[in-house]
């Protein structure tokens, strides 16, 4: 490759009312910190060229046809903000990857935009590298996730509470950056203008990009909502299975694609606790681990509200806006009622696999009860979720001591093991669904601290390990154990 890849302008063409042409800030000494070579290969891009000076400039938007800052709204911690948008981010464009899927290439920390809201628009090395390591870990765990293609040092300082920090720009790749907040912004425009054209365009664009089967439905907006509901139900169930805490489940961080996006104050459970909160800004625990399924339902209700004008008689081409009407509200309410069964089914399906009961005769209710009872034992004993489920492999083969050794309530775990063994758990595939390695919080912080000081070695080793989360490897024992007790309570920050 001796020339920059050509990026499409799918979003800007489909939704010009929600796209502001903009350029990334210029940096005097940009330099590549990390390049995700496997992801570059998926995009069909030459990693050696991307690592060159010309490639780095391209990744920062130099010569890109039409970078845009995207407009969106959102509920942040329950409060509606009608104008958020890419305050320190930029959509460079889109590319069709080697598998034929269209994907967005997007910057974060590239400087202020017209949507900036009080911050400087830049980012520090640590938070951007967090997106890289967590995104790779989630992808390897089989969780739909945006991923970092590159992190580029800017050669400049950003100033945060900790002091002066080295600056960086994240280059991330996602199926798209359409969010519930995108629909909320389009709905707000409809309310201002009395015209649903932008909302209809957004629905059509989201269907084309992510849920093409909805195009031929009698009510495409309803079919889109139902598709998003099921995709998000599956996604959050997967979060729960691996102990992932997003930390900031605002509607502007809930995608229409069903991918995880924005790894700001995220973390993984060290000990199982449904009330666990890691984010420094979530003082009320709104986005605690155990609240995530309920928060998602709330966010989906906000999406339904945004789509109301297209669910009733109003909103058709040439018609004025209908505020929803009783019929539209009934349709939306009925559709939303599918969420809890969808989430429960996805959670049970994943739990059945994690317990090795895929071919067992245990019915869904029994699987759910076994799963919840084991989680109750973990909570009572302050046991690490990942370690406990990995210990099911030897337990299924008759060696129960690794699991018993984690527990406080030995009578309780013995009783549970007896019930579980009664259904004949299959140890064969357990290690394929219960990870040994993931981006453990203390290891992430260790790697980010070293990288901020100029040493990328710990980060490189950590990413290498979490890319193969299910396979034990030599000399990697420290990556498979929870944080030591002296590490104390873990707190994460947004980095703005």
Protein backbone atom coordinates (compact mmCIF):
# COMPACT_ATOMS: atom_id res chain seq x y z
CA UNK A 1 0.00 0.00 0.00
CA UNK A 2 1.53 3.29 -1.08
CA UNK A 3 -1.54 5.49 -0.74
CA UNK A 4 -4.11 6.13 1.94
CA UNK A 5 -7.16 3.84 1.99
CA UNK A 6 -10.32 5.43 0.71
CA UNK A 7 -13.02 5.94 3.32
CA UNK A 8 -16.72 6.12 2.59
CA UNK A 9 -19.09 8.82 3.81
CA UNK A 10 -22.09 6.65 4.58
CA UNK A 11 -23.29 8.52 7.66
CA UNK A 12 -22.77 12.02 6.25
CA UNK A 13 -24.64 11.15 3.05
CA UNK A 14 -27.55 9.50 4.86
CA UNK A 15 -27.90 12.04 7.68
CA UNK A 16 -26.38 15.39 6.69
CA UNK A 17 -28.55 17.10 9.33
CA UNK A 18 -26.66 15.16 12.01
CA UNK A 19 -23.15 15.61 10.62
CA UNK A 20 -20.89 18.65 10.95
CA UNK A 21 -17.84 18.68 8.69
CA UNK A 22 -14.77 19.08 10.90
CA UNK A 23 -11.06 18.36 11.07
CA UNK A 24 -8.99 16.87 13.84
CA UNK A 25 -6.59 19.18 15.62
CA UNK A 26 -3.06 19.31 14.27
CA UNK A 27 -0.34 17.83 16.47
CA UNK A 28 3.31 18.75 16.08
CA UNK A 29 4.83 15.34 16.86
CA UNK A 30 2.28 12.53 16.42
CA UNK A 31 3.75 9.08 16.91
CA UNK A 32 2.29 5.59 16.95
CA UNK A 33 2.01 4.00 20.39
CA UNK A 34 0.16 0.82 19.44
CA UNK A 35 -1.25 -0.58 16.21
CA UNK A 36 -3.78 -3.39 16.20
CA UNK A 37 -2.36 -5.45 13.35
CA UNK A 38 -5.04 -8.19 13.44
CA UNK A 39 -7.76 -5.53 13.15
CA UNK A 40 -5.88 -3.76 10.34
CA UNK A 41 -5.84 -7.07 8.48
CA UNK A 42 -9.61 -7.43 8.95
CA UNK A 43 -10.03 -4.01 7.34
CA UNK A 44 -7.75 -5.00 4.46
CA UNK A 45 -5.22 -2.32 5.38
CA UNK A 46 -1.46 -2.73 5.33
CA UNK A 47 -0.10 -2.53 8.89
CA UNK A 48 3.39 -1.47 7.74
CA UNK A 49 1.97 1.49 5.85
CA UNK A 50 -0.28 2.48 8.75
CA UNK A 51 2.80 2.51 10.99
CA UNK A 52 4.62 4.89 8.64
CA UNK A 53 4.59 8.66 9.04
CA UNK A 54 2.06 8.92 6.18
CA UNK A 55 -0.08 6.23 7.80
CA UNK A 56 -0.13 7.99 11.16
CA UNK A 57 -1.17 11.23 9.47
CA UNK A 58 -3.95 9.36 7.67
CA UNK A 59 -5.17 7.87 10.94
CA UNK A 60 -5.45 11.42 12.29
CA UNK A 61 -7.61 12.44 9.32
CA UNK A 62 -5.03 13.99 7.02
CA UNK A 63 -6.36 13.75 3.48
CA UNK A 64 -9.60 12.07 4.52
CA UNK A 65 -12.45 13.23 2.29
CA UNK A 66 -15.11 14.23 4.80
CA UNK A 67 -14.53 13.78 8.54
CA UNK A 68 -17.62 14.75 10.53
CA UNK A 69 -18.62 15.29 14.14
CA UNK A 70 -21.83 13.38 14.76
CA UNK A 71 -24.81 14.94 16.51
CA UNK A 72 -26.73 13.01 19.12
CA UNK A 73 -28.64 13.61 22.34
CA UNK A 74 -28.88 11.42 25.41
CA UNK A 75 -29.98 10.74 28.94
CA UNK A 76 -26.93 11.03 31.17
CA UNK A 77 -27.54 9.48 34.59
CA UNK A 78 -31.26 9.88 33.91
CA UNK A 79 -31.20 13.55 32.90
CA UNK A 80 -31.92 14.41 29.27
CA UNK A 81 -29.38 16.50 27.37
CA UNK A 82 -30.78 17.48 23.95
CA UNK A 83 -27.41 18.27 22.36
CA UNK A 84 -24.38 16.12 23.10
CA UNK A 85 -22.60 14.91 20.00
CA UNK A 86 -18.95 14.19 19.33
CA UNK A 87 -17.45 16.69 21.72
CA UNK A 88 -13.90 15.37 21.39
CA UNK A 89 -14.41 12.80 18.69
CA UNK A 90 -14.63 12.62 14.92
CA UNK A 91 -15.96 10.14 12.39
CA UNK A 92 -13.30 9.74 9.70
CA UNK A 93 -15.57 7.59 7.55
CA UNK A 94 -16.38 3.97 6.87
CA UNK A 95 -14.78 1.00 5.16
CA UNK A 96 -16.04 -2.35 3.92
CA UNK A 97 -13.84 -4.96 5.59
CA UNK A 98 -12.56 -8.22 4.13
CA UNK A 99 -15.71 -10.03 5.30
CA UNK A 100 -17.95 -7.57 3.47
CA UNK A 101 -19.14 -5.68 6.56
CA UNK A 102 -19.21 -1.89 6.63
CA UNK A 103 -17.44 -0.44 9.68
CA UNK A 104 -16.85 3.06 11.01
CA UNK A 105 -13.41 4.49 11.70
CA UNK A 106 -13.67 7.07 14.46
CA UNK A 107 -11.31 9.24 16.49
CA UNK A 108 -11.48 10.05 20.18
CA UNK A 109 -9.40 12.77 21.80
CA UNK A 110 -8.79 14.55 18.51
CA UNK A 111 -9.64 18.02 19.79
CA UNK A 112 -12.69 20.24 20.36
CA UNK A 113 -15.63 20.26 17.97
CA UNK A 114 -18.79 22.38 17.76
CA UNK A 115 -20.33 19.87 20.18
CA UNK A 116 -17.66 20.28 22.85
CA UNK A 117 -19.16 20.84 26.26
CA UNK A 118 -16.63 22.35 28.59
CA UNK A 119 -13.65 20.03 28.14
CA UNK A 120 -10.50 20.66 26.17
CA UNK A 121 -11.34 18.03 23.57
CA UNK A 122 -8.17 16.03 24.09
CA UNK A 123 -7.32 12.77 25.83
CA UNK A 124 -4.50 11.28 27.84
CA UNK A 125 -2.52 8.16 27.01
CA UNK A 126 -3.95 6.06 29.85
CA UNK A 127 -7.68 6.24 29.04
CA UNK A 128 -7.07 5.70 25.33
CA UNK A 129 -4.93 2.63 25.96
CA UNK A 130 -7.66 1.37 28.29
CA UNK A 131 -10.00 1.34 25.28
CA UNK A 132 -7.43 -0.74 23.40
CA UNK A 133 -6.86 -3.43 26.02
CA UNK A 134 -10.50 -3.73 27.15
CA UNK A 135 -11.81 -3.76 23.58
CA UNK A 136 -9.43 -6.57 22.64
CA UNK A 137 -10.36 -8.47 25.78
CA UNK A 138 -14.08 -8.15 25.11
CA UNK A 139 -13.67 -9.18 21.48
CA UNK A 140 -11.70 -12.27 22.49
CA UNK A 141 -14.38 -13.17 25.05
CA UNK A 142 -16.94 -13.19 22.25
CA UNK A 143 -18.69 -10.00 23.37
CA UNK A 144 -19.69 -7.68 20.50
CA UNK A 145 -17.40 -4.70 20.93
CA UNK A 146 -15.88 -1.68 19.30
CA UNK A 147 -12.10 -2.07 19.06
CA UNK A 148 -9.08 0.18 18.89
CA UNK A 149 -7.18 0.16 15.62
CA UNK A 150 -4.46 2.42 16.97
CA UNK A 151 -3.47 4.75 19.76
CA UNK A 152 -1.36 7.69 18.66
CA UNK A 153 0.68 9.85 20.99
CA UNK A 154 0.28 13.53 20.26
CA UNK A 155 3.58 14.73 21.73
CA UNK A 156 1.58 17.23 23.76
CA UNK A 157 0.38 17.42 27.35
CA UNK A 158 -3.18 17.34 28.60
CA UNK A 159 -4.04 18.63 32.03
CA UNK A 160 -6.21 16.70 34.43
CA UNK A 161 -6.58 16.50 38.20
CA UNK A 162 -3.50 14.27 38.30
CA UNK A 163 -1.44 17.00 36.60
CA UNK A 164 0.16 17.14 33.16
CA UNK A 165 -0.22 13.86 31.26
CA UNK A 166 0.99 12.74 27.82
CA UNK A 167 -1.72 13.18 25.22
CA UNK A 168 -3.08 10.58 22.82
CA UNK A 169 -5.74 10.00 20.17
CA UNK A 170 -7.68 6.75 19.90
CA UNK A 171 -8.59 5.37 16.47
CA UNK A 172 -11.50 3.01 17.03
CA UNK A 173 -13.54 0.78 14.77
CA UNK A 174 -17.21 -0.12 15.25
CA UNK A 175 -20.08 -1.42 13.16
CA UNK A 176 -21.35 2.12 13.45
CA UNK A 177 -21.65 4.86 16.04
CA UNK A 178 -25.44 5.07 15.86
CA UNK A 179 -26.91 5.21 19.36
CA UNK A 180 -30.21 5.49 21.17
CA UNK A 181 -29.11 9.11 21.57
CA UNK A 182 -29.00 9.46 17.78
CA UNK A 183 -32.69 8.60 17.61
CA UNK A 184 -33.39 10.98 20.48
CA UNK A 185 -31.67 13.81 18.60
CA UNK A 186 -33.63 13.07 15.42
CA UNK A 187 -36.85 12.94 17.42
CA UNK A 188 -36.05 16.32 18.98
CA UNK A 189 -35.55 17.77 15.49
CA UNK A 190 -38.96 16.43 14.50
CA UNK A 191 -40.47 18.15 17.50
CA UNK A 192 -38.87 21.46 16.50
CA UNK A 193 -39.71 21.34 12.80
CA UNK A 194 -42.91 19.30 12.72
CA UNK A 195 -41.26 17.04 10.14
CA UNK A 196 -40.15 13.45 10.74
CA UNK A 197 -37.86 13.33 7.69
CA UNK A 198 -34.61 13.08 9.66
CA UNK A 199 -36.06 10.50 12.04
CA UNK A 200 -37.23 8.43 9.07
CA UNK A 201 -33.79 8.75 7.47
CA UNK A 202 -32.14 7.61 10.69
CA UNK A 203 -34.39 4.56 10.90
CA UNK A 204 -33.68 3.68 7.27
CA UNK A 205 -29.93 4.13 7.79
CA UNK A 206 -29.86 2.01 10.95
CA UNK A 207 -31.85 -0.73 9.23
CA UNK A 208 -29.53 -0.75 6.23
CA UNK A 209 -26.40 -0.85 8.40
CA UNK A 210 -27.47 -3.30 11.09
CA UNK A 211 -30.90 -4.87 10.79
CA UNK A 212 -31.73 -5.34 7.07
CA UNK A 213 -34.53 -7.81 7.77
CA UNK A 214 -36.54 -4.92 9.22
CA UNK A 215 -36.68 -3.13 5.87
CA UNK A 216 -39.63 -5.11 4.54
CA UNK A 217 -41.62 -5.12 7.76
CA UNK A 218 -45.06 -3.44 7.75
CA UNK A 219 -43.74 -0.85 10.23
CA UNK A 220 -39.96 -0.61 9.74
CA UNK A 221 -39.42 1.59 12.81
CA UNK A 222 -41.11 -1.00 14.99
CA UNK A 223 -39.09 -3.81 13.43
CA UNK A 224 -35.91 -1.79 14.04
CA UNK A 225 -36.85 -1.31 17.68
CA UNK A 226 -37.50 -5.02 18.12
CA UNK A 227 -34.17 -5.89 16.50
CA UNK A 228 -32.24 -3.45 18.70
CA UNK A 229 -34.05 -4.80 21.76
CA UNK A 230 -32.97 -8.36 21.08
CA UNK A 231 -29.41 -7.41 20.12
CA UNK A 232 -28.96 -5.36 23.27
CA UNK A 233 -30.56 -8.02 25.47
CA UNK A 234 -28.01 -10.54 24.19
CA UNK A 235 -25.18 -8.05 24.66
CA UNK A 236 -25.91 -7.17 28.28
CA UNK A 237 -26.46 -10.84 29.14
CA UNK A 238 -22.92 -11.45 27.88
CA UNK A 239 -21.64 -8.58 30.04
CA UNK A 240 -23.20 -10.24 33.04
CA UNK A 241 -21.65 -13.61 32.21
CA UNK A 242 -18.10 -12.23 32.18
CA UNK A 243 -18.54 -9.77 35.08
CA UNK A 244 -18.17 -6.64 32.94
CA UNK A 245 -19.35 -3.33 34.38
CA UNK A 246 -19.74 -0.66 31.71
CA UNK A 247 -19.91 2.16 34.20
CA UNK A 248 -21.73 4.77 32.12
CA UNK A 249 -24.79 3.24 30.46
CA UNK A 250 -26.24 6.52 29.27
CA UNK A 251 -28.51 6.35 26.24
CA UNK A 252 -25.77 7.92 24.14
CA UNK A 253 -23.61 4.87 24.96
CA UNK A 254 -26.27 2.34 23.95
CA UNK A 255 -25.72 1.39 20.32
CA UNK A 256 -28.33 0.47 17.73
CA UNK A 257 -25.98 -2.25 16.47
CA UNK A 258 -25.81 -4.15 19.75
CA UNK A 259 -22.08 -3.56 20.23
CA UNK A 260 -20.31 -2.42 23.38
CA UNK A 261 -18.94 1.08 22.96
CA UNK A 262 -17.00 3.57 25.08
CA UNK A 263 -14.71 1.96 27.65
CA UNK A 264 -14.38 4.91 29.98
CA UNK A 265 -15.01 4.06 33.65
CA UNK A 266 -15.47 0.35 32.91
CA UNK A 267 -14.07 -2.56 34.92
CA UNK A 268 -14.47 -6.27 35.63
CA UNK A 269 -15.70 -7.71 38.90
CA UNK A 270 -12.95 -8.84 41.24
CA UNK A 271 -15.34 -10.41 43.71
CA UNK A 272 -18.94 -11.11 42.83
CA UNK A 273 -21.14 -8.29 44.07
CA UNK A 274 -24.29 -7.13 42.23
CA UNK A 275 -23.97 -3.69 43.86
CA UNK A 276 -20.42 -3.14 42.65
CA UNK A 277 -19.70 0.29 41.15
CA UNK A 278 -16.27 1.32 39.89
CA UNK A 279 -16.98 4.69 38.27
CA UNK A 280 -15.95 7.75 40.27
CA UNK A 281 -18.93 9.68 38.90
CA UNK A 282 -21.63 7.10 39.70
CA UNK A 283 -22.16 8.15 43.31
CA UNK A 284 -25.69 6.73 43.44
CA UNK A 285 -24.85 3.36 41.94
CA UNK A 286 -27.20 3.80 39.00
CA UNK A 287 -24.95 1.76 36.74
CA UNK A 288 -23.88 -0.92 39.23
CA UNK A 289 -23.19 -4.38 37.82
CA UNK A 290 -26.51 -5.83 38.93
CA UNK A 291 -28.49 -2.86 37.62
CA UNK A 292 -27.29 -3.17 34.03
CA UNK A 293 -30.19 -5.30 32.70
CA UNK A 294 -32.74 -2.92 34.25
CA UNK A 295 -30.93 0.16 32.97
CA UNK A 296 -30.95 -1.30 29.49
CA UNK A 297 -34.72 -1.72 29.67
CA UNK A 298 -34.98 1.95 30.69
CA UNK A 299 -32.77 2.96 27.76
CA UNK A 300 -34.87 0.91 25.36
CA UNK A 301 -37.96 2.70 26.63
CA UNK A 302 -36.29 5.97 25.67
CA UNK A 303 -35.64 4.58 22.19
CA UNK A 304 -39.29 3.61 21.90
CA UNK A 305 -40.29 7.15 22.89
CA UNK A 306 -38.02 8.56 20.21
CA UNK A 307 -39.63 6.35 17.57
CA UNK A 308 -43.24 7.03 18.60
CA UNK A 309 -44.01 9.37 15.68
CA UNK A 310 -43.26 6.51 13.28
CA UNK A 311 -45.23 3.86 15.14
CA UNK A 312 -48.70 5.37 14.85
CA UNK A 313 -50.46 6.97 11.93
CA UNK A 314 -48.20 10.05 11.92
CA UNK A 315 -44.73 10.31 10.49
CA UNK A 316 -45.42 8.94 7.03
CA UNK A 317 -43.97 10.95 4.12
CA UNK A 318 -46.03 14.05 3.59
CA UNK A 319 -47.78 13.83 6.93
CA UNK A 320 -47.28 16.13 9.87
CA UNK A 321 -45.81 14.85 13.10
CA UNK A 322 -48.03 12.91 15.45
CA UNK A 323 -46.90 13.07 19.07
CA UNK A 324 -47.46 9.37 19.25
CA UNK A 325 -51.14 8.99 20.00
CA UNK A 326 -52.61 6.23 22.08
CA UNK A 327 -52.12 3.62 19.38
CA UNK A 328 -48.40 4.37 19.01
CA UNK A 329 -47.91 4.22 22.78
CA UNK A 330 -49.72 0.89 22.90
CA UNK A 331 -47.49 -0.49 20.12
CA UNK A 332 -44.32 0.71 21.83
CA UNK A 333 -45.38 -0.59 25.23
CA UNK A 334 -46.26 -3.98 23.80
CA UNK A 335 -42.92 -4.20 21.97
CA UNK A 336 -40.97 -3.26 25.08
CA UNK A 337 -42.60 -6.10 27.00
CA UNK A 338 -40.52 -8.50 24.92
CA UNK A 339 -37.33 -7.29 26.61
CA UNK A 340 -37.46 -9.20 29.89
CA UNK A 341 -38.18 -12.59 28.27
CA UNK A 342 -35.45 -11.88 25.68
CA UNK A 343 -32.89 -10.97 28.30
CA UNK A 344 -33.84 -13.92 30.51
CA UNK A 345 -33.54 -16.32 27.56
CA UNK A 346 -30.11 -14.94 26.61
CA UNK A 347 -28.92 -15.09 30.22
CA UNK A 348 -30.16 -18.68 30.65
CA UNK A 349 -28.58 -19.77 27.38
CA UNK A 350 -25.22 -18.37 28.42
CA UNK A 351 -25.53 -19.81 31.93
CA UNK A 352 -26.41 -23.23 30.55
CA UNK A 353 -23.12 -23.18 28.60
CA UNK A 354 -21.13 -21.85 31.56
CA UNK A 355 -22.47 -24.68 33.75
CA UNK A 356 -21.74 -27.35 31.13
CA UNK A 357 -25.41 -28.26 30.80
CA UNK A 358 -25.81 -27.74 27.08
CA UNK A 359 -26.92 -31.32 26.47
CA UNK A 360 -28.44 -31.92 29.90
CA UNK A 361 -32.11 -32.61 30.51
CA UNK A 362 -32.33 -29.70 32.96
CA UNK A 363 -35.10 -27.34 31.95
CA UNK A 364 -34.61 -23.58 31.70
CA UNK A 365 -36.01 -22.89 35.15
CA UNK A 366 -33.64 -25.42 36.71
CA UNK A 367 -30.65 -23.94 34.87
CA UNK A 368 -31.60 -20.45 36.02
CA UNK A 369 -31.98 -21.64 39.62
CA UNK A 370 -28.62 -23.40 39.57
CA UNK A 371 -26.97 -20.31 38.12
CA UNK A 372 -28.51 -17.90 40.61
CA UNK A 373 -27.76 -20.19 43.54
CA UNK A 374 -24.10 -20.42 42.56
CA UNK A 375 -23.90 -16.64 42.21
CA UNK A 376 -25.46 -16.29 45.66
CA UNK A 377 -22.69 -18.49 47.07
CA UNK A 378 -20.08 -16.36 45.31
CA UNK A 379 -21.58 -13.17 46.69
CA UNK A 380 -21.74 -14.53 50.24
CA UNK A 381 -18.12 -15.65 50.07
CA UNK A 382 -16.75 -12.61 48.19
CA UNK A 383 -15.50 -14.98 45.49
CA UNK A 384 -14.10 -14.01 42.12
CA UNK A 385 -16.59 -14.81 39.34
CA UNK A 386 -14.00 -15.77 36.73
CA UNK A 387 -11.99 -18.04 39.02
CA UNK A 388 -15.09 -19.81 40.32
CA UNK A 389 -16.52 -20.67 36.93
CA UNK A 390 -13.14 -21.84 35.67
CA UNK A 391 -13.05 -24.21 38.67
CA UNK A 392 -16.16 -25.94 37.32
CA UNK A 393 -14.02 -27.85 34.81
CA UNK A 394 -12.19 -29.98 37.39
CA UNK A 395 -15.40 -30.15 39.44
CA UNK A 396 -17.25 -31.68 36.50
CA UNK A 397 -14.49 -34.33 36.35
CA UNK A 398 -14.81 -35.11 40.04
CA UNK A 399 -12.22 -32.79 41.61
CA UNK A 400 -14.34 -30.35 43.59
CA UNK A 401 -11.59 -28.97 45.82
CA UNK A 402 -10.59 -26.03 43.57
CA UNK A 403 -14.16 -24.73 43.82
CA UNK A 404 -14.68 -25.63 47.49
CA UNK A 405 -11.42 -23.90 48.34
CA UNK A 406 -12.88 -20.59 47.19
CA UNK A 407 -16.03 -20.76 49.32
CA UNK A 408 -16.97 -19.84 52.86
CA UNK A 409 -20.20 -21.84 52.96
CA UNK A 410 -18.90 -25.39 52.40
CA UNK A 411 -22.23 -27.02 53.23
CA UNK A 412 -23.91 -24.74 50.71
CA UNK A 413 -21.44 -25.45 47.93
CA UNK A 414 -21.56 -29.19 48.61
CA UNK A 415 -25.32 -29.14 48.32
CA UNK A 416 -25.07 -27.13 45.11
CA UNK A 417 -22.46 -29.50 43.66
CA UNK A 418 -24.72 -32.44 44.40
CA UNK A 419 -27.61 -30.88 42.51
CA UNK A 420 -25.37 -29.84 39.62
CA UNK A 421 -23.68 -33.24 39.31
CA UNK A 422 -27.12 -34.80 39.20
CA UNK A 423 -27.65 -33.31 35.74
CA UNK A 424 -24.37 -34.71 34.38
CA UNK A 425 -22.41 -31.56 33.48
CA UNK A 426 -20.11 -32.03 30.51
CA UNK A 427 -16.57 -30.86 31.24
CA UNK A 428 -15.55 -31.03 27.59
CA UNK A 429 -16.54 -27.51 26.56
CA UNK A 430 -16.40 -25.68 29.87
CA UNK A 431 -12.95 -24.21 29.25
CA UNK A 432 -14.21 -22.85 25.93
CA UNK A 433 -16.82 -20.62 27.58
CA UNK A 434 -15.36 -19.84 31.01
CA UNK A 435 -12.27 -17.67 30.53
CA UNK A 436 -9.03 -18.00 32.42
CA UNK A 437 -7.76 -14.56 31.47
CA UNK A 438 -9.46 -11.20 31.06
CA UNK A 439 -8.38 -7.57 31.52
CA UNK A 440 -8.26 -7.68 35.31
CA UNK A 441 -8.42 -4.25 36.86
CA UNK A 442 -5.11 -4.28 38.71
CA UNK A 443 -3.28 -5.54 35.64
CA UNK A 444 -4.88 -2.88 33.44
CA UNK A 445 -3.85 -0.15 35.87
CA UNK A 446 -0.33 -1.54 36.11
CA UNK A 447 -0.03 -1.53 32.31
CA UNK A 448 -1.51 1.95 31.92
CA UNK A 449 0.76 3.38 34.59
CA UNK A 450 3.83 1.93 32.90
CA UNK A 451 2.68 3.16 29.48
CA UNK A 452 2.08 6.67 30.77
CA UNK A 453 5.67 6.60 32.02
CA UNK A 454 6.86 5.47 28.59
CA UNK A 455 7.05 1.67 29.00
CA UNK A 456 4.59 -0.18 26.74
CA UNK A 457 5.94 -3.63 27.65
CA UNK A 458 3.35 -4.52 30.34
CA UNK A 459 0.51 -3.39 28.06
CA UNK A 460 1.81 -5.45 25.14
CA UNK A 461 2.07 -8.56 27.32
CA UNK A 462 -1.38 -8.04 28.81
CA UNK A 463 -3.04 -7.64 25.41
CA UNK A 464 -1.25 -10.73 24.15
CA UNK A 465 -2.64 -12.79 27.04
CA UNK A 466 -6.23 -11.51 26.96
CA UNK A 467 -6.46 -12.20 23.23
CA UNK A 468 -6.51 -15.93 24.08
CA UNK A 469 -8.69 -15.92 27.20
CA UNK A 470 -9.69 -19.58 27.26
CA UNK A 471 -6.32 -21.31 26.78
CA UNK A 472 -3.85 -21.75 29.63
CA UNK A 473 -0.31 -20.72 28.79
CA UNK A 474 3.01 -21.13 30.49
CA UNK A 475 4.34 -18.38 32.77
CA UNK A 476 1.03 -16.50 32.75
CA UNK A 477 -0.23 -17.41 36.21
CA UNK A 478 -0.35 -13.81 37.43
CA UNK A 479 -2.86 -12.94 34.71
CA UNK A 480 -5.32 -15.53 36.04
CA UNK A 481 -5.66 -14.42 39.65
CA UNK A 482 -7.80 -11.67 41.17
CA UNK A 483 -6.35 -8.48 42.61
CA UNK A 484 -4.57 -8.92 45.93
CA UNK A 485 -6.52 -7.83 49.00
CA UNK A 486 -4.11 -4.97 49.64
CA UNK A 487 -5.04 -3.44 46.27
CA UNK A 488 -8.12 -1.92 47.95
CA UNK A 489 -11.24 -0.71 46.23
CA UNK A 490 -10.81 -0.04 42.53
CA UNK A 491 -12.02 3.29 41.12
CA UNK A 492 -12.16 4.28 37.45
CA UNK A 493 -12.43 7.69 35.81
CA UNK A 494 -13.80 8.98 32.51
CA UNK A 495 -10.54 10.68 31.63
CA UNK A 496 -12.11 13.97 30.53
